[in-house]
């Protein structure tokens, strides 16, 4: 990776340049960030509240590792990023005493996926990058769940993972409180049903955010070339809608693993459409200088699930009608 800032960019700090433009230091940095929770807990685990704060910081470092390889891809190219990731995988293999599975998952999930997403972002924009992430994560996690379930259903496997938590909740309920027991059992059933979809959607949004952060840093340091549409211009390809319409009948009428995994995939796609709907609403409100309303909108997103459904419908309609075509200045589109 060579750092050649354009006139519009700023010079990268020397310490950052050292790590990003040399494969081995960059690989070491990636492994340190990936294992940050482990070594922070080992060094500072006895510091009480401070240890908890540091562990949270370690989790954040862990989650931005995909952004590191996306940034390396934007600056040095796909080949350079994959070679750096391969060195990091070898170091991780040594760090984990020969755990091949851990090294393979790291290379595929933290190196290959964000690297290809960053390249797709450069060439075709945010929507295509998000679509790639959703497709690969749904396929990968679904395959892993089926393989891990063995002969039983995937839903049974997920239920077994949640069972100890809900057993404790049920044990804490006083005898005779049938309403509370029924409520906990209903919560368990819902969580088991939606867990794969929300888990994959969370991964997709984190990885996508990492790639966007990498693009922002690359633009700041002047070595980015490619699509520069603003976040408010986020738009998914039309094919996603047809995939969602195909998944819905399987999610409602099929049985077993087919129904369970189809429901998870439908949740992921609906979540991405909700993101598009939020971008449409944000751009519309921004175009009218309604800043306070934008703040209220994001607050409601955290506390009212019905708003998420509404935004998913807006995103679905926007795929066909392109509501933002009349206020491109707010979205950053040219």
C-alpha atoms as a PDB file:
ATOM      1  CA  UNK A   1       0.000   0.000   0.000  1.00  0.00           C
ATOM      2  CA  UNK A   2       1.433   3.349  -0.998  1.00  0.00           C
ATOM      3  CA  UNK A   3       0.076   6.567   0.438  1.00  0.00           C
ATOM      4  CA  UNK A   4      -0.080   9.242  -2.263  1.00  0.00           C
ATOM      5  CA  UNK A   5      -2.420  11.960  -0.981  1.00  0.00           C
ATOM      6  CA  UNK A   6      -4.246  14.068  -3.498  1.00  0.00           C
ATOM      7  CA  UNK A   7      -4.258  17.852  -3.161  1.00  0.00           C
ATOM      8  CA  UNK A   8      -7.651  17.622  -1.438  1.00  0.00           C
ATOM      9  CA  UNK A   9      -6.386  15.157   1.183  1.00  0.00           C
ATOM     10  CA  UNK A  10      -4.130  15.513   4.206  1.00  0.00           C
ATOM     11  CA  UNK A  11      -0.890  13.720   4.910  1.00  0.00           C
ATOM     12  CA  UNK A  12      -1.330  10.508   6.872  1.00  0.00           C
ATOM     13  CA  UNK A  13       0.433  10.516  10.298  1.00  0.00           C
ATOM     14  CA  UNK A  14       3.733   8.648  10.162  1.00  0.00           C
ATOM     15  CA  UNK A  15       2.715   6.051  12.747  1.00  0.00           C
ATOM     16  CA  UNK A  16      -0.457   5.275  10.799  1.00  0.00           C
ATOM     17  CA  UNK A  17       1.498   5.185   7.559  1.00  0.00           C
ATOM     18  CA  UNK A  18       3.953   2.719   9.132  1.00  0.00           C
ATOM     19  CA  UNK A  19       1.229   0.228  10.000  1.00  0.00           C
ATOM     20  CA  UNK A  20      -0.924   0.569   6.888  1.00  0.00           C
ATOM     21  CA  UNK A  21       1.803   0.586   4.243  1.00  0.00           C
ATOM     22  CA  UNK A  22       3.726  -2.446   5.549  1.00  0.00           C
ATOM     23  CA  UNK A  23       2.143  -5.896   5.501  1.00  0.00           C
ATOM     24  CA  UNK A  24       3.644  -7.424   8.648  1.00  0.00           C
ATOM     25  CA  UNK A  25       3.033  -4.434  10.993  1.00  0.00           C
ATOM     26  CA  UNK A  26      -0.498  -4.141   9.599  1.00  0.00           C
ATOM     27  CA  UNK A  27      -1.115  -7.867  10.192  1.00  0.00           C
ATOM     28  CA  UNK A  28       0.197  -7.556  13.760  1.00  0.00           C
ATOM     29  CA  UNK A  29      -2.111  -4.569  14.334  1.00  0.00           C
ATOM     30  CA  UNK A  30      -5.077  -6.586  13.044  1.00  0.00           C
ATOM     31  CA  UNK A  31      -4.365  -9.486  15.438  1.00  0.00           C
ATOM     32  CA  UNK A  32      -3.879  -7.095  18.376  1.00  0.00           C
ATOM     33  CA  UNK A  33      -7.215  -5.417  17.611  1.00  0.00           C
ATOM     34  CA  UNK A  34      -8.974  -8.756  17.104  1.00  0.00           C
ATOM     35  CA  UNK A  35      -7.744 -10.141  20.439  1.00  0.00           C
ATOM     36  CA  UNK A  36      -8.086  -6.851  22.328  1.00  0.00           C
ATOM     37  CA  UNK A  37     -10.811  -8.117  24.682  1.00  0.00           C
ATOM     38  CA  UNK A  38      -8.597 -11.039  25.730  1.00  0.00           C
ATOM     39  CA  UNK A  39      -5.434  -9.085  26.502  1.00  0.00           C
ATOM     40  CA  UNK A  40      -7.267  -6.130  28.049  1.00  0.00           C
ATOM     41  CA  UNK A  41      -9.079  -8.479  30.424  1.00  0.00           C
ATOM     42  CA  UNK A  42      -5.795 -10.274  31.197  1.00  0.00           C
ATOM     43  CA  UNK A  43      -3.917  -7.042  31.951  1.00  0.00           C
ATOM     44  CA  UNK A  44      -6.613  -4.916  33.564  1.00  0.00           C
ATOM     45  CA  UNK A  45      -9.249  -7.410  34.722  1.00  0.00           C
ATOM     46  CA  UNK A  46      -8.754  -6.519  38.404  1.00  0.00           C
ATOM     47  CA  UNK A  47      -9.472  -2.792  37.998  1.00  0.00           C
ATOM     48  CA  UNK A  48     -13.243  -3.010  38.504  1.00  0.00           C
ATOM     49  CA  UNK A  49     -15.260  -0.386  36.631  1.00  0.00           C
ATOM     50  CA  UNK A  50     -12.200   0.784  34.712  1.00  0.00           C
ATOM     51  CA  UNK A  51     -11.685  -2.789  33.489  1.00  0.00           C
ATOM     52  CA  UNK A  52     -15.273  -2.849  32.226  1.00  0.00           C
ATOM     53  CA  UNK A  53     -14.744   0.415  30.316  1.00  0.00           C
ATOM     54  CA  UNK A  54     -11.536  -0.938  28.794  1.00  0.00           C
ATOM     55  CA  UNK A  55     -13.259  -4.184  27.790  1.00  0.00           C
ATOM     56  CA  UNK A  56     -15.964  -2.195  25.994  1.00  0.00           C
ATOM     57  CA  UNK A  57     -13.178  -0.321  24.206  1.00  0.00           C
ATOM     58  CA  UNK A  58     -11.658  -3.706  23.321  1.00  0.00           C
ATOM     59  CA  UNK A  59     -14.957  -4.869  21.844  1.00  0.00           C
ATOM     60  CA  UNK A  60     -15.032  -1.764  19.658  1.00  0.00           C
ATOM     61  CA  UNK A  61     -11.476  -2.454  18.484  1.00  0.00           C
ATOM     62  CA  UNK A  62     -12.512  -6.016  17.662  1.00  0.00           C
ATOM     63  CA  UNK A  63     -15.483  -4.822  15.610  1.00  0.00           C
ATOM     64  CA  UNK A  64     -13.482  -2.344  13.496  1.00  0.00           C
ATOM     65  CA  UNK A  65     -11.020  -4.973  12.241  1.00  0.00           C
ATOM     66  CA  UNK A  66     -13.084  -5.386   9.020  1.00  0.00           C
ATOM     67  CA  UNK A  67     -12.758  -1.622   8.532  1.00  0.00           C
ATOM     68  CA  UNK A  68      -8.976  -1.939   8.751  1.00  0.00           C
ATOM     69  CA  UNK A  69      -8.870  -4.384   5.832  1.00  0.00           C
ATOM     70  CA  UNK A  70     -11.410  -2.320   3.897  1.00  0.00           C
ATOM     71  CA  UNK A  71      -9.118   0.706   4.342  1.00  0.00           C
ATOM     72  CA  UNK A  72      -6.095  -1.314   3.220  1.00  0.00           C
ATOM     73  CA  UNK A  73      -8.045  -2.417   0.135  1.00  0.00           C
ATOM     74  CA  UNK A  74      -8.979   1.162  -0.752  1.00  0.00           C
ATOM     75  CA  UNK A  75      -5.371   2.272  -0.427  1.00  0.00           C
ATOM     76  CA  UNK A  76      -3.330  -0.687  -1.623  1.00  0.00           C
ATOM     77  CA  UNK A  77      -5.706  -2.826  -3.640  1.00  0.00           C
ATOM     78  CA  UNK A  78      -7.388  -6.176  -3.180  1.00  0.00           C
ATOM     79  CA  UNK A  79      -4.221  -8.264  -3.591  1.00  0.00           C
ATOM     80  CA  UNK A  80      -2.341  -6.291  -0.955  1.00  0.00           C
ATOM     81  CA  UNK A  81      -5.236  -6.596   1.507  1.00  0.00           C
ATOM     82  CA  UNK A  82      -5.582 -10.352   1.042  1.00  0.00           C
ATOM     83  CA  UNK A  83      -1.843 -10.882   1.444  1.00  0.00           C
ATOM     84  CA  UNK A  84      -1.857  -8.834   4.658  1.00  0.00           C
ATOM     85  CA  UNK A  85      -4.867 -10.800   5.879  1.00  0.00           C
ATOM     86  CA  UNK A  86      -3.124 -14.095   5.121  1.00  0.00           C
ATOM     87  CA  UNK A  87      -0.147 -13.019   7.281  1.00  0.00           C
ATOM     88  CA  UNK A  88      -2.567 -12.018  10.057  1.00  0.00           C
ATOM     89  CA  UNK A  89      -4.301 -15.419   9.787  1.00  0.00           C
ATOM     90  CA  UNK A  90      -0.937 -17.178  10.209  1.00  0.00           C
ATOM     91  CA  UNK A  91      -0.154 -15.035  13.266  1.00  0.00           C
ATOM     92  CA  UNK A  92      -3.611 -15.817  14.665  1.00  0.00           C
ATOM     93  CA  UNK A  93      -2.969 -19.512  14.043  1.00  0.00           C
ATOM     94  CA  UNK A  94       0.154 -19.267  16.210  1.00  0.00           C
ATOM     95  CA  UNK A  95      -1.652 -17.156  18.812  1.00  0.00           C
ATOM     96  CA  UNK A  96      -4.447 -19.752  19.159  1.00  0.00           C
ATOM     97  CA  UNK A  97      -2.054 -22.744  19.294  1.00  0.00           C
ATOM     98  CA  UNK A  98      -2.992 -24.101  15.894  1.00  0.00           C
ATOM     99  CA  UNK A  99      -6.754 -23.475  15.738  1.00  0.00           C
ATOM    100  CA  UNK A 100      -7.261 -23.786  11.981  1.00  0.00           C
ATOM    101  CA  UNK A 101     -10.987 -23.102  12.217  1.00  0.00           C
ATOM    102  CA  UNK A 102     -10.420 -19.783  13.988  1.00  0.00           C
ATOM    103  CA  UNK A 103      -7.858 -18.688  11.392  1.00  0.00           C
ATOM    104  CA  UNK A 104     -10.135 -19.661   8.482  1.00  0.00           C
ATOM    105  CA  UNK A 105     -13.174 -17.873   9.932  1.00  0.00           C
ATOM    106  CA  UNK A 106     -11.040 -14.780  10.581  1.00  0.00           C
ATOM    107  CA  UNK A 107      -9.669 -14.753   7.036  1.00  0.00           C
ATOM    108  CA  UNK A 108     -13.065 -15.215   5.390  1.00  0.00           C
ATOM    109  CA  UNK A 109     -15.135 -12.986   7.667  1.00  0.00           C
ATOM    110  CA  UNK A 110     -12.710 -10.232   8.696  1.00  0.00           C
ATOM    111  CA  UNK A 111     -10.463 -10.073   5.616  1.00  0.00           C
ATOM    112  CA  UNK A 112     -12.068 -11.410   2.433  1.00  0.00           C
ATOM    113  CA  UNK A 113     -15.612 -10.119   3.014  1.00  0.00           C
ATOM    114  CA  UNK A 114     -14.766  -6.477   3.895  1.00  0.00           C
ATOM    115  CA  UNK A 115     -12.057  -6.359   1.213  1.00  0.00           C
ATOM    116  CA  UNK A 116     -14.441  -7.383  -1.572  1.00  0.00           C
ATOM    117  CA  UNK A 117     -17.160  -5.138  -0.106  1.00  0.00           C
ATOM    118  CA  UNK A 118     -14.793  -2.159  -0.206  1.00  0.00           C
ATOM    119  CA  UNK A 119     -13.929  -2.876  -3.829  1.00  0.00           C
ATOM    120  CA  UNK A 120     -17.619  -3.189  -4.722  1.00  0.00           C
ATOM    121  CA  UNK A 121     -18.311   0.059  -2.867  1.00  0.00           C
ATOM    122  CA  UNK A 122     -15.707   1.796  -5.029  1.00  0.00           C
ATOM    123  CA  UNK A 123     -17.134   0.464  -8.261  1.00  0.00           C
ATOM    124  CA  UNK A 124     -20.912   0.272  -7.738  1.00  0.00           C
ATOM    125  CA  UNK A 125     -21.838   2.109  -4.527  1.00  0.00           C
ATOM    126  CA  UNK A 126     -23.207   1.454  -1.049  1.00  0.00           C
ATOM    127  CA  UNK A 127     -26.291  -0.521  -2.043  1.00  0.00           C
ATOM    128  CA  UNK A 128     -24.316  -3.197  -3.878  1.00  0.00           C
ATOM    129  CA  UNK A 129     -21.824  -3.457  -1.001  1.00  0.00           C
ATOM    130  CA  UNK A 130     -24.647  -3.967   1.512  1.00  0.00           C
ATOM    131  CA  UNK A 131     -26.284  -6.539  -0.778  1.00  0.00           C
ATOM    132  CA  UNK A 132     -23.026  -8.506  -1.009  1.00  0.00           C
ATOM    133  CA  UNK A 133     -22.613  -8.466   2.759  1.00  0.00           C
ATOM    134  CA  UNK A 134     -26.191  -9.652   3.312  1.00  0.00           C
ATOM    135  CA  UNK A 135     -25.908 -12.431   0.739  1.00  0.00           C
ATOM    136  CA  UNK A 136     -22.587 -13.782   2.017  1.00  0.00           C
ATOM    137  CA  UNK A 137     -23.481 -13.525   5.706  1.00  0.00           C
ATOM    138  CA  UNK A 138     -26.878 -15.177   5.238  1.00  0.00           C
ATOM    139  CA  UNK A 139     -25.312 -18.023   3.258  1.00  0.00           C
ATOM    140  CA  UNK A 140     -22.342 -18.443   5.603  1.00  0.00           C
ATOM    141  CA  UNK A 141     -24.239 -18.285   8.896  1.00  0.00           C
ATOM    142  CA  UNK A 142     -27.025 -20.479   7.526  1.00  0.00           C
ATOM    143  CA  UNK A 143     -24.551 -23.131   6.398  1.00  0.00           C
ATOM    144  CA  UNK A 144     -22.719 -22.977   9.737  1.00  0.00           C
ATOM    145  CA  UNK A 145     -25.980 -23.421  11.664  1.00  0.00           C
ATOM    146  CA  UNK A 146     -27.100 -26.377   9.567  1.00  0.00           C
ATOM    147  CA  UNK A 147     -23.687 -28.005   9.923  1.00  0.00           C
ATOM    148  CA  UNK A 148     -23.607 -27.346  13.674  1.00  0.00           C
ATOM    149  CA  UNK A 149     -27.109 -28.713  14.204  1.00  0.00           C
ATOM    150  CA  UNK A 150     -26.146 -32.150  12.933  1.00  0.00           C
ATOM    151  CA  UNK A 151     -29.295 -34.249  12.690  1.00  0.00           C
ATOM    152  CA  UNK A 152     -31.548 -31.906  14.665  1.00  0.00           C
ATOM    153  CA  UNK A 153     -33.279 -28.784  13.419  1.00  0.00           C
ATOM    154  CA  UNK A 154     -31.507 -25.445  13.490  1.00  0.00           C
ATOM    155  CA  UNK A 155     -34.313 -23.989  15.612  1.00  0.00           C
ATOM    156  CA  UNK A 156     -33.743 -26.691  18.240  1.00  0.00           C
ATOM    157  CA  UNK A 157     -30.042 -25.835  18.290  1.00  0.00           C
ATOM    158  CA  UNK A 158     -30.753 -22.140  18.877  1.00  0.00           C
ATOM    159  CA  UNK A 159     -33.320 -22.992  21.559  1.00  0.00           C
ATOM    160  CA  UNK A 160     -30.738 -25.074  23.408  1.00  0.00           C
ATOM    161  CA  UNK A 161     -28.367 -22.091  23.471  1.00  0.00           C
ATOM    162  CA  UNK A 162     -31.028 -19.844  25.026  1.00  0.00           C
ATOM    163  CA  UNK A 163     -32.482 -22.472  27.376  1.00  0.00           C
ATOM    164  CA  UNK A 164     -30.180 -21.889  30.406  1.00  0.00           C
ATOM    165  CA  UNK A 165     -30.964 -18.171  30.421  1.00  0.00           C
ATOM    166  CA  UNK A 166     -34.722 -18.689  30.339  1.00  0.00           C
ATOM    167  CA  UNK A 167     -34.544 -21.538  32.871  1.00  0.00           C
ATOM    168  CA  UNK A 168     -33.051 -19.047  35.345  1.00  0.00           C
ATOM    169  CA  UNK A 169     -35.765 -16.529  34.552  1.00  0.00           C
ATOM    170  CA  UNK A 170     -38.485 -19.136  35.071  1.00  0.00           C
ATOM    171  CA  UNK A 171     -36.886 -20.317  38.324  1.00  0.00           C
ATOM    172  CA  UNK A 172     -37.017 -16.773  39.721  1.00  0.00           C
ATOM    173  CA  UNK A 173     -40.800 -16.487  39.164  1.00  0.00           C
ATOM    174  CA  UNK A 174     -42.902 -17.197  42.299  1.00  0.00           C
ATOM    175  CA  UNK A 175     -45.076 -20.357  42.223  1.00  0.00           C
ATOM    176  CA  UNK A 176     -48.554 -19.788  40.853  1.00  0.00           C
ATOM    177  CA  UNK A 177     -47.624 -16.765  38.714  1.00  0.00           C
ATOM    178  CA  UNK A 178     -48.921 -18.334  35.532  1.00  0.00           C
ATOM    179  CA  UNK A 179     -49.148 -15.054  33.636  1.00  0.00           C
ATOM    180  CA  UNK A 180     -45.453 -14.323  34.216  1.00  0.00           C
ATOM    181  CA  UNK A 181     -44.481 -17.855  33.201  1.00  0.00           C
ATOM    182  CA  UNK A 182     -46.506 -17.583  29.989  1.00  0.00           C
ATOM    183  CA  UNK A 183     -44.902 -14.204  29.243  1.00  0.00           C
ATOM    184  CA  UNK A 184     -41.364 -15.574  29.639  1.00  0.00           C
ATOM    185  CA  UNK A 185     -42.180 -18.611  27.508  1.00  0.00           C
ATOM    186  CA  UNK A 186     -43.607 -16.355  24.783  1.00  0.00           C
ATOM    187  CA  UNK A 187     -40.478 -14.182  24.911  1.00  0.00           C
ATOM    188  CA  UNK A 188     -38.323 -17.293  24.569  1.00  0.00           C
ATOM    189  CA  UNK A 189     -40.275 -18.518  21.538  1.00  0.00           C
ATOM    190  CA  UNK A 190     -40.028 -15.112  19.822  1.00  0.00           C
ATOM    191  CA  UNK A 191     -36.302 -14.730  20.515  1.00  0.00           C
ATOM    192  CA  UNK A 192     -35.543 -18.195  19.177  1.00  0.00           C
ATOM    193  CA  UNK A 193     -37.525 -17.452  16.018  1.00  0.00           C
ATOM    194  CA  UNK A 194     -35.931 -14.113  15.193  1.00  0.00           C
ATOM    195  CA  UNK A 195     -32.402 -14.642  16.532  1.00  0.00           C
ATOM    196  CA  UNK A 196     -30.695 -15.737  13.263  1.00  0.00           C
ATOM    197  CA  UNK A 197     -32.172 -12.868  11.276  1.00  0.00           C
ATOM    198  CA  UNK A 198     -31.302 -10.157  13.795  1.00  0.00           C
ATOM    199  CA  UNK A 199     -27.855 -11.641  14.405  1.00  0.00           C
ATOM    200  CA  UNK A 200     -27.004 -11.631  10.685  1.00  0.00           C
ATOM    201  CA  UNK A 201     -28.527  -8.168  10.215  1.00  0.00           C
ATOM    202  CA  UNK A 202     -26.387  -6.831  13.080  1.00  0.00           C
ATOM    203  CA  UNK A 203     -23.235  -8.298  11.523  1.00  0.00           C
ATOM    204  CA  UNK A 204     -24.191  -6.875   8.136  1.00  0.00           C
ATOM    205  CA  UNK A 205     -24.736  -3.359   9.503  1.00  0.00           C
ATOM    206  CA  UNK A 206     -21.488  -3.438  11.518  1.00  0.00           C
ATOM    207  CA  UNK A 207     -19.428  -4.625   8.542  1.00  0.00           C
ATOM    208  CA  UNK A 208     -21.151  -2.104   6.245  1.00  0.00           C
ATOM    209  CA  UNK A 209     -20.472   0.713   8.718  1.00  0.00           C
ATOM    210  CA  UNK A 210     -16.814  -0.358   8.866  1.00  0.00           C
ATOM    211  CA  UNK A 211     -16.526  -0.171   5.083  1.00  0.00           C
ATOM    212  CA  UNK A 212     -18.132   3.290   5.040  1.00  0.00           C
ATOM    213  CA  UNK A 213     -15.766   4.446   7.797  1.00  0.00           C
ATOM    214  CA  UNK A 214     -12.826   3.154   5.758  1.00  0.00           C
ATOM    215  CA  UNK A 215     -14.053   5.124   2.735  1.00  0.00           C
ATOM    216  CA  UNK A 216     -14.374   8.272   4.849  1.00  0.00           C
ATOM    217  CA  UNK A 217     -10.802   7.914   6.123  1.00  0.00           C
ATOM    218  CA  UNK A 218      -9.500   7.178   2.616  1.00  0.00           C
ATOM    219  CA  UNK A 219     -11.195  10.330   1.313  1.00  0.00           C
ATOM    220  CA  UNK A 220      -9.791  12.326   4.249  1.00  0.00           C
ATOM    221  CA  UNK A 221      -6.248  11.201   3.478  1.00  0.00           C
ATOM    222  CA  UNK A 222      -6.741  11.717  -0.237  1.00  0.00           C
ATOM    223  CA  UNK A 223      -6.132   8.222  -1.631  1.00  0.00           C
ATOM    224  CA  UNK A 224      -9.717   7.176  -2.414  1.00  0.00           C
ATOM    225  CA  UNK A 225     -10.950   6.735  -5.957  1.00  0.00           C
ATOM    226  CA  UNK A 226     -14.435   5.537  -6.777  1.00  0.00           C
ATOM    227  CA  UNK A 227     -18.067   6.063  -5.819  1.00  0.00           C
ATOM    228  CA  UNK A 228     -18.505   8.981  -3.409  1.00  0.00           C
ATOM    229  CA  UNK A 229     -22.298   9.132  -2.983  1.00  0.00           C
ATOM    230  CA  UNK A 230     -23.359  10.334   0.462  1.00  0.00           C
ATOM    231  CA  UNK A 231     -24.882   7.909   2.969  1.00  0.00           C
ATOM    232  CA  UNK A 232     -28.310   9.446   2.366  1.00  0.00           C
ATOM    233  CA  UNK A 233     -28.136   8.190  -1.237  1.00  0.00           C
ATOM    234  CA  UNK A 234     -28.125   4.556  -0.039  1.00  0.00           C
ATOM    235  CA  UNK A 235     -30.276   2.483  -2.393  1.00  0.00           C
ATOM    236  CA  UNK A 236     -30.616  -1.270  -2.782  1.00  0.00           C
ATOM    237  CA  UNK A 237     -30.920  -3.043  -6.141  1.00  0.00           C
ATOM    238  CA  UNK A 238     -34.430  -3.976  -7.306  1.00  0.00           C
ATOM    239  CA  UNK A 239     -33.575  -7.673  -7.287  1.00  0.00           C
ATOM    240  CA  UNK A 240     -33.581  -7.607  -3.483  1.00  0.00           C
ATOM    241  CA  UNK A 241     -37.321  -6.916  -3.452  1.00  0.00           C
ATOM    242  CA  UNK A 242     -38.029  -9.944  -5.626  1.00  0.00           C
ATOM    243  CA  UNK A 243     -35.821 -12.111  -3.406  1.00  0.00           C
ATOM    244  CA  UNK A 244     -37.799 -10.908  -0.390  1.00  0.00           C
ATOM    245  CA  UNK A 245     -41.102 -11.728  -2.093  1.00  0.00           C
ATOM    246  CA  UNK A 246     -39.817 -15.233  -2.836  1.00  0.00           C
ATOM    247  CA  UNK A 247     -38.650 -15.735   0.764  1.00  0.00           C
ATOM    248  CA  UNK A 248     -41.906 -14.664   2.425  1.00  0.00           C
ATOM    249  CA  UNK A 249     -43.985 -17.704   1.328  1.00  0.00           C
ATOM    250  CA  UNK A 250     -41.222 -20.053   2.528  1.00  0.00           C
ATOM    251  CA  UNK A 251     -40.998 -18.165   5.833  1.00  0.00           C
ATOM    252  CA  UNK A 252     -44.754 -18.555   6.399  1.00  0.00           C
ATOM    253  CA  UNK A 253     -45.725 -21.874   4.832  1.00  0.00           C
ATOM    254  CA  UNK A 254     -42.642 -24.100   4.710  1.00  0.00           C
ATOM    255  CA  UNK A 255     -41.483 -26.331   7.556  1.00  0.00           C
ATOM    256  CA  UNK A 256     -38.294 -27.182   9.427  1.00  0.00           C
ATOM    257  CA  UNK A 257     -34.970 -25.641   8.516  1.00  0.00           C
ATOM    258  CA  UNK A 258     -36.314 -24.176   5.260  1.00  0.00           C
ATOM    259  CA  UNK A 259     -38.899 -22.082   7.071  1.00  0.00           C
ATOM    260  CA  UNK A 260     -36.545 -21.095   9.883  1.00  0.00           C
ATOM    261  CA  UNK A 261     -33.712 -19.954   7.627  1.00  0.00           C
ATOM    262  CA  UNK A 262     -36.093 -18.261   5.167  1.00  0.00           C
ATOM    263  CA  UNK A 263     -37.538 -16.241   8.058  1.00  0.00           C
ATOM    264  CA  UNK A 264     -34.032 -15.195   9.100  1.00  0.00           C
ATOM    265  CA  UNK A 265     -33.131 -14.126   5.562  1.00  0.00           C
ATOM    266  CA  UNK A 266     -36.413 -12.203   5.227  1.00  0.00           C
ATOM    267  CA  UNK A 267     -35.648 -10.309   8.450  1.00  0.00           C
ATOM    268  CA  UNK A 268     -32.212  -9.363   7.086  1.00  0.00           C
ATOM    269  CA  UNK A 269     -33.607  -8.057   3.800  1.00  0.00           C
ATOM    270  CA  UNK A 270     -36.436  -6.216   5.519  1.00  0.00           C
ATOM    271  CA  UNK A 271     -33.879  -4.623   7.845  1.00  0.00           C
ATOM    272  CA  UNK A 272     -31.843  -3.359   4.892  1.00  0.00           C
ATOM    273  CA  UNK A 273     -34.987  -1.931   3.340  1.00  0.00           C
ATOM    274  CA  UNK A 274     -35.706  -0.197   6.666  1.00  0.00           C
ATOM    275  CA  UNK A 275     -32.244   1.401   6.460  1.00  0.00           C
ATOM    276  CA  UNK A 276     -33.106   2.658   2.985  1.00  0.00           C
ATOM    277  CA  UNK A 277     -36.405   4.011   4.314  1.00  0.00           C
ATOM    278  CA  UNK A 278     -34.588   5.863   7.092  1.00  0.00           C
ATOM    279  CA  UNK A 279     -32.245   7.424   4.536  1.00  0.00           C
ATOM    280  CA  UNK A 280     -35.243   8.549   2.457  1.00  0.00           C
ATOM    281  CA  UNK A 281     -36.923  10.149   5.482  1.00  0.00           C
ATOM    282  CA  UNK A 282     -33.659  11.749   6.656  1.00  0.00           C
ATOM    283  CA  UNK A 283     -32.999  13.234   3.205  1.00  0.00           C
ATOM    284  CA  UNK A 284     -36.589  14.538   2.955  1.00  0.00           C
ATOM    285  CA  UNK A 285     -36.412  16.180   6.392  1.00  0.00           C
ATOM    286  CA  UNK A 286     -32.923  17.538   5.755  1.00  0.00           C
ATOM    287  CA  UNK A 287     -34.081  19.078   2.487  1.00  0.00           C
ATOM    288  CA  UNK A 288     -36.657  21.010   4.538  1.00  0.00           C
ATOM    289  CA  UNK A 289     -34.218  21.936   7.355  1.00  0.00           C
ATOM    290  CA  UNK A 290     -36.270  19.986   9.924  1.00  0.00           C
ATOM    291  CA  UNK A 291     -33.290  19.127  12.142  1.00  0.00           C
ATOM    292  CA  UNK A 292     -35.274  18.597  15.348  1.00  0.00           C
ATOM    293  CA  UNK A 293     -37.605  16.183  13.601  1.00  0.00           C
ATOM    294  CA  UNK A 294     -34.616  14.163  12.395  1.00  0.00           C
ATOM    295  CA  UNK A 295     -33.473  13.776  16.009  1.00  0.00           C
ATOM    296  CA  UNK A 296     -36.961  12.659  17.085  1.00  0.00           C
ATOM    297  CA  UNK A 297     -37.032  10.158  14.226  1.00  0.00           C
ATOM    298  CA  UNK A 298     -33.836   8.436  15.371  1.00  0.00           C
ATOM    299  CA  UNK A 299     -35.007   8.401  18.994  1.00  0.00           C
ATOM    300  CA  UNK A 300     -38.223   6.671  17.931  1.00  0.00           C
ATOM    301  CA  UNK A 301     -36.207   4.064  16.029  1.00  0.00           C
ATOM    302  CA  UNK A 302     -34.732   2.832  19.316  1.00  0.00           C
ATOM    303  CA  UNK A 303     -37.993   2.679  21.257  1.00  0.00           C
ATOM    304  CA  UNK A 304     -40.810   1.817  18.838  1.00  0.00           C
ATOM    305  CA  UNK A 305     -40.630  -1.248  16.630  1.00  0.00           C
ATOM    306  CA  UNK A 306     -43.623  -0.108  14.582  1.00  0.00           C
ATOM    307  CA  UNK A 307     -41.531   2.758  13.203  1.00  0.00           C
ATOM    308  CA  UNK A 308     -39.008   0.238  11.847  1.00  0.00           C
ATOM    309  CA  UNK A 309     -41.792  -1.547   9.947  1.00  0.00           C
ATOM    310  CA  UNK A 310     -42.963   1.773   8.512  1.00  0.00           C
ATOM    311  CA  UNK A 311     -39.458   2.615   7.298  1.00  0.00           C
ATOM    312  CA  UNK A 312     -39.145  -0.832   5.727  1.00  0.00           C
ATOM    313  CA  UNK A 313     -42.281  -0.091   3.698  1.00  0.00           C
ATOM    314  CA  UNK A 314     -40.882   3.314   2.692  1.00  0.00           C
ATOM    315  CA  UNK A 315     -37.650   1.637   1.589  1.00  0.00           C
ATOM    316  CA  UNK A 316     -39.607  -0.959  -0.371  1.00  0.00           C
ATOM    317  CA  UNK A 317     -41.523   1.731  -2.247  1.00  0.00           C
ATOM    318  CA  UNK A 318     -38.375   3.796  -2.805  1.00  0.00           C
ATOM    319  CA  UNK A 319     -36.813   0.918  -4.751  1.00  0.00           C
ATOM    320  CA  UNK A 320     -39.378   1.551  -7.488  1.00  0.00           C
ATOM    321  CA  UNK A 321     -40.295   5.224  -7.117  1.00  0.00           C
ATOM    322  CA  UNK A 322     -36.950   6.790  -6.062  1.00  0.00           C
ATOM    323  CA  UNK A 323     -38.415   9.425  -3.743  1.00  0.00           C
ATOM    324  CA  UNK A 324     -35.034  11.178  -3.439  1.00  0.00           C
ATOM    325  CA  UNK A 325     -34.705  12.113  -7.092  1.00  0.00           C
ATOM    326  CA  UNK A 326     -36.177  15.578  -6.412  1.00  0.00           C
ATOM    327  CA  UNK A 327     -33.843  16.476  -3.521  1.00  0.00           C
ATOM    328  CA  UNK A 328     -30.464  15.163  -4.640  1.00  0.00           C
ATOM    329  CA  UNK A 329     -28.558  17.982  -2.931  1.00  0.00           C
ATOM    330  CA  UNK A 330     -29.591  16.599   0.440  1.00  0.00           C
ATOM    331  CA  UNK A 331     -28.356  13.107  -0.398  1.00  0.00           C
ATOM    332  CA  UNK A 332     -25.025  14.112  -1.832  1.00  0.00           C
ATOM    333  CA  UNK A 333     -25.848  12.756  -5.300  1.00  0.00           C
ATOM    334  CA  UNK A 334     -24.669  14.725  -8.299  1.00  0.00           C
END
